[in-house]
Amino acid sequence: PYARLFRISRFGLDPIDFQDTDHFRMMRDFCSDPAAFLAEALYEDEP
């Protein structure tokens, strides 16, 4: 509780909210629709 999170960027350390982290968004997307998440993650553009 009350932890401060930071993201490392090319400009240094930037404060970030938990729900704005890449890890949180990825887990939220997976939990809300696992099939669509996997289809998107495994999709490769064909030439």
PDB file of N, CA and C in Angstrom:
ATOM      1  N   PRO A   1       0.832  -1.204   0.000  1.00  0.00           N
ATOM      2  CA  PRO A   1       0.000   0.000   0.000  1.00  0.00           C
ATOM      3  C   PRO A   1       0.869   1.258   0.000  1.00  0.00           C
ATOM      4  N   TYR A   2       0.419   2.229  -0.711  1.00  0.00           N
ATOM      5  CA  TYR A   2       1.069   3.545  -0.779  1.00  0.00           C
ATOM      6  C   TYR A   2       2.459   3.497  -1.407  1.00  0.00           C
ATOM      7  N   ALA A   3       2.750   2.437  -2.145  1.00  0.00           N
ATOM      8  CA  ALA A   3       4.041   2.360  -2.832  1.00  0.00           C
ATOM      9  C   ALA A   3       4.024   3.294  -4.036  1.00  0.00           C
ATOM     10  N   ARG A   4       5.168   3.840  -4.350  1.00  0.00           N
ATOM     11  CA  ARG A   4       5.303   4.674  -5.542  1.00  0.00           C
ATOM     12  C   ARG A   4       6.006   3.850  -6.601  1.00  0.00           C
ATOM     13  N   LEU A   5       5.415   3.777  -7.776  1.00  0.00           N
ATOM     14  CA  LEU A   5       5.992   3.016  -8.874  1.00  0.00           C
ATOM     15  C   LEU A   5       6.617   3.970  -9.880  1.00  0.00           C
ATOM     16  N   PHE A   6       7.718   3.518 -10.470  1.00  0.00           N
ATOM     17  CA  PHE A   6       8.408   4.303 -11.477  1.00  0.00           C
ATOM     18  C   PHE A   6       8.675   3.437 -12.696  1.00  0.00           C
ATOM     19  N   ARG A   7       8.650   4.066 -13.845  1.00  0.00           N
ATOM     20  CA  ARG A   7       8.979   3.396 -15.105  1.00  0.00           C
ATOM     21  C   ARG A   7      10.307   3.982 -15.582  1.00  0.00           C
ATOM     22  N   ILE A   8      11.160   3.099 -16.070  1.00  0.00           N
ATOM     23  CA  ILE A   8      12.436   3.546 -16.625  1.00  0.00           C
ATOM     24  C   ILE A   8      12.209   3.904 -18.086  1.00  0.00           C
ATOM     25  N   SER A   9      12.547   5.126 -18.436  1.00  0.00           N
ATOM     26  CA  SER A   9      12.404   5.568 -19.822  1.00  0.00           C
ATOM     27  C   SER A   9      13.718   6.202 -20.264  1.00  0.00           C
ATOM     28  N   ARG A  10      13.762   6.617 -21.492  1.00  0.00           N
ATOM     29  CA  ARG A  10      14.995   7.253 -21.982  1.00  0.00           C
ATOM     30  C   ARG A  10      15.234   8.607 -21.323  1.00  0.00           C
ATOM     31  N   PHE A  11      14.218   9.113 -20.631  1.00  0.00           N
ATOM     32  CA  PHE A  11      14.347  10.401 -19.945  1.00  0.00           C
ATOM     33  C   PHE A  11      14.650  10.238 -18.462  1.00  0.00           C
ATOM     34  N   GLY A  12      14.758   8.995 -17.997  1.00  0.00           N
ATOM     35  CA  GLY A  12      15.016   8.741 -16.584  1.00  0.00           C
ATOM     36  C   GLY A  12      13.878   7.960 -15.959  1.00  0.00           C
ATOM     37  N   LEU A  13      13.615   8.217 -14.696  1.00  0.00           N
ATOM     38  CA  LEU A  13      12.538   7.545 -13.980  1.00  0.00           C
ATOM     39  C   LEU A  13      11.280   8.402 -14.018  1.00  0.00           C
ATOM     40  N   ASP A  14      10.183   7.789 -14.443  1.00  0.00           N
ATOM     41  CA  ASP A  14       8.905   8.489 -14.503  1.00  0.00           C
ATOM     42  C   ASP A  14       7.920   7.819 -13.560  1.00  0.00           C
ATOM     43  N   PRO A  15       7.222   8.581 -12.713  1.00  0.00           N
ATOM     44  CA  PRO A  15       6.201   7.970 -11.865  1.00  0.00           C
ATOM     45  C   PRO A  15       5.076   7.417 -12.736  1.00  0.00           C
ATOM     46  N   ILE A  16       4.478   6.306 -12.296  1.00  0.00           N
ATOM     47  CA  ILE A  16       3.413   5.671 -13.069  1.00  0.00           C
ATOM     48  C   ILE A  16       2.410   5.037 -12.110  1.00  0.00           C
ATOM     49  N   ASP A  17       1.149   5.074 -12.467  1.00  0.00           N
ATOM     50  CA  ASP A  17       0.114   4.396 -11.695  1.00  0.00           C
ATOM     51  C   ASP A  17       0.157   2.909 -12.005  1.00  0.00           C
ATOM     52  N   PHE A  18      -0.202   2.089 -11.036  1.00  0.00           N
ATOM     53  CA  PHE A  18      -0.170   0.638 -11.201  1.00  0.00           C
ATOM     54  C   PHE A  18      -0.955   0.189 -12.427  1.00  0.00           C
ATOM     55  N   GLN A  19      -2.141   0.758 -12.631  1.00  0.00           N
ATOM     56  CA  GLN A  19      -2.992   0.334 -13.739  1.00  0.00           C
ATOM     57  C   GLN A  19      -2.484   0.817 -15.094  1.00  0.00           C
ATOM     58  N   ASP A  20      -1.482   1.644 -15.122  1.00  0.00           N
ATOM     59  CA  ASP A  20      -0.900   2.114 -16.379  1.00  0.00           C
ATOM     60  C   ASP A  20       0.357   1.339 -16.775  1.00  0.00           C
ATOM     61  N   THR A  21       0.775   0.391 -15.943  1.00  0.00           N
ATOM     62  CA  THR A  21       1.969  -0.382 -16.283  1.00  0.00           C
ATOM     63  C   THR A  21       1.656  -1.373 -17.399  1.00  0.00           C
ATOM     64  N   ASP A  22       2.666  -1.685 -18.190  1.00  0.00           N
ATOM     65  CA  ASP A  22       2.493  -2.655 -19.277  1.00  0.00           C
ATOM     66  C   ASP A  22       2.064  -4.013 -18.738  1.00  0.00           C
ATOM     67  N   HIS A  23       2.634  -4.424 -17.611  1.00  0.00           N
ATOM     68  CA  HIS A  23       2.307  -5.728 -17.040  1.00  0.00           C
ATOM     69  C   HIS A  23       0.843  -5.801 -16.617  1.00  0.00           C
ATOM     70  N   PHE A  24       0.342  -4.735 -15.997  1.00  0.00           N
ATOM     71  CA  PHE A  24      -1.059  -4.730 -15.577  1.00  0.00           C
ATOM     72  C   PHE A  24      -1.981  -4.782 -16.788  1.00  0.00           C
ATOM     73  N   ARG A  25      -1.696  -3.989 -17.801  1.00  0.00           N
ATOM     74  CA  ARG A  25      -2.544  -3.964 -19.001  1.00  0.00           C
ATOM     75  C   ARG A  25      -2.555  -5.315 -19.709  1.00  0.00           C
ATOM     76  N   MET A  26      -1.386  -5.945 -19.790  1.00  0.00           N
ATOM     77  CA  MET A  26      -1.315  -7.250 -20.443  1.00  0.00           C
ATOM     78  C   MET A  26      -2.130  -8.282 -19.660  1.00  0.00           C
ATOM     79  N   MET A  27      -2.010  -8.307 -18.349  1.00  0.00           N
ATOM     80  CA  MET A  27      -2.761  -9.261 -17.537  1.00  0.00           C
ATOM     81  C   MET A  27      -4.257  -8.974 -17.610  1.00  0.00           C
ATOM     82  N   ARG A  28      -4.640  -7.700 -17.599  1.00  0.00           N
ATOM     83  CA  ARG A  28      -6.056  -7.333 -17.702  1.00  0.00           C
ATOM     84  C   ARG A  28      -6.630  -7.788 -19.038  1.00  0.00           C
ATOM     85  N   ASP A  29      -5.900  -7.558 -20.116  1.00  0.00           N
ATOM     86  CA  ASP A  29      -6.370  -7.977 -21.439  1.00  0.00           C
ATOM     87  C   ASP A  29      -6.496  -9.489 -21.524  1.00  0.00           C
ATOM     88  N   PHE A  30      -5.532 -10.204 -20.975  1.00  0.00           N
ATOM     89  CA  PHE A  30      -5.581 -11.663 -21.000  1.00  0.00           C
ATOM     90  C   PHE A  30      -6.764 -12.185 -20.188  1.00  0.00           C
ATOM     91  N   CYS A  31      -6.961 -11.644 -18.995  1.00  0.00           N
ATOM     92  CA  CYS A  31      -8.049 -12.123 -18.131  1.00  0.00           C
ATOM     93  C   CYS A  31      -9.422 -11.786 -18.692  1.00  0.00           C
ATOM     94  N   SER A  32      -9.546 -10.689 -19.395  1.00  0.00           N
ATOM     95  CA  SER A  32     -10.855 -10.307 -19.927  1.00  0.00           C
ATOM     96  C   SER A  32     -11.245 -11.135 -21.143  1.00  0.00           C
ATOM     97  N   ASP A  33     -10.263 -11.602 -21.940  1.00  0.00           N
ATOM     98  CA  ASP A  33     -10.572 -12.420 -23.123  1.00  0.00           C
ATOM     99  C   ASP A  33      -9.326 -13.209 -23.529  1.00  0.00           C
ATOM    100  N   PRO A  34      -9.085 -14.354 -22.873  1.00  0.00           N
ATOM    101  CA  PRO A  34      -7.867 -15.122 -23.146  1.00  0.00           C
ATOM    102  C   PRO A  34      -7.718 -15.546 -24.604  1.00  0.00           C
ATOM    103  N   ALA A  35      -8.801 -15.970 -25.238  1.00  0.00           N
ATOM    104  CA  ALA A  35      -8.718 -16.437 -26.626  1.00  0.00           C
ATOM    105  C   ALA A  35      -8.293 -15.305 -27.562  1.00  0.00           C
ATOM    106  N   ALA A  36      -8.899 -14.149 -27.417  1.00  0.00           N
ATOM    107  CA  ALA A  36      -8.547 -13.008 -28.265  1.00  0.00           C
ATOM    108  C   ALA A  36      -7.116 -12.538 -27.982  1.00  0.00           C
ATOM    109  N   PHE A  37      -6.727 -12.557 -26.718  1.00  0.00           N
ATOM    110  CA  PHE A  37      -5.368 -12.154 -26.363  1.00  0.00           C
ATOM    111  C   PHE A  37      -4.345 -13.064 -27.034  1.00  0.00           C
ATOM    112  N   LEU A  38      -4.562 -14.381 -26.938  1.00  0.00           N
ATOM    113  CA  LEU A  38      -3.624 -15.324 -27.541  1.00  0.00           C
ATOM    114  C   LEU A  38      -3.636 -15.233 -29.058  1.00  0.00           C
ATOM    115  N   ALA A  39      -4.810 -15.045 -29.645  1.00  0.00           N
ATOM    116  CA  ALA A  39      -4.885 -14.905 -31.102  1.00  0.00           C
ATOM    117  C   ALA A  39      -4.074 -13.696 -31.557  1.00  0.00           C
ATOM    118  N   GLU A  40      -4.182 -12.608 -30.836  1.00  0.00           N
ATOM    119  CA  GLU A  40      -3.430 -11.392 -31.175  1.00  0.00           C
ATOM    120  C   GLU A  40      -1.930 -11.587 -30.930  1.00  0.00           C
ATOM    121  N   ALA A  41      -1.587 -12.223 -29.816  1.00  0.00           N
ATOM    122  CA  ALA A  41      -0.181 -12.414 -29.465  1.00  0.00           C
ATOM    123  C   ALA A  41       0.522 -13.375 -30.417  1.00  0.00           C
ATOM    124  N   LEU A  42      -0.200 -14.364 -30.915  1.00  0.00           N
ATOM    125  CA  LEU A  42       0.416 -15.378 -31.769  1.00  0.00           C
ATOM    126  C   LEU A  42       0.269 -15.081 -33.252  1.00  0.00           C
ATOM    127  N   TYR A  43      -0.478 -14.035 -33.585  1.00  0.00           N
ATOM    128  CA  TYR A  43      -0.707 -13.677 -34.980  1.00  0.00           C
ATOM    129  C   TYR A  43       0.577 -13.142 -35.598  1.00  0.00           C
ATOM    130  N   GLU A  44       0.909 -13.636 -36.758  1.00  0.00           N
ATOM    131  CA  GLU A  44       2.066 -13.131 -37.494  1.00  0.00           C
ATOM    132  C   GLU A  44       1.602 -12.688 -38.869  1.00  0.00           C
ATOM    133  N   ASP A  45       2.062 -11.532 -39.299  1.00  0.00           N
ATOM    134  CA  ASP A  45       1.733 -11.055 -40.647  1.00  0.00           C
ATOM    135  C   ASP A  45       2.371 -11.977 -41.675  1.00  0.00           C
ATOM    136  N   GLU A  46       1.581 -12.364 -42.642  1.00  0.00           N
ATOM    137  CA  GLU A  46       2.121 -13.200 -43.713  1.00  0.00           C
ATOM    138  C   GLU A  46       2.501 -12.310 -44.886  1.00  0.00           C
ATOM    139  N   PRO A  47       3.629 -12.627 -45.543  1.00  0.00           N
ATOM    140  CA  PRO A  47       4.083 -11.778 -46.661  1.00  0.00           C
ATOM    141  C   PRO A  47       3.146 -11.800 -47.841  1.00  0.00           C
TER     142      PRO A  47
END
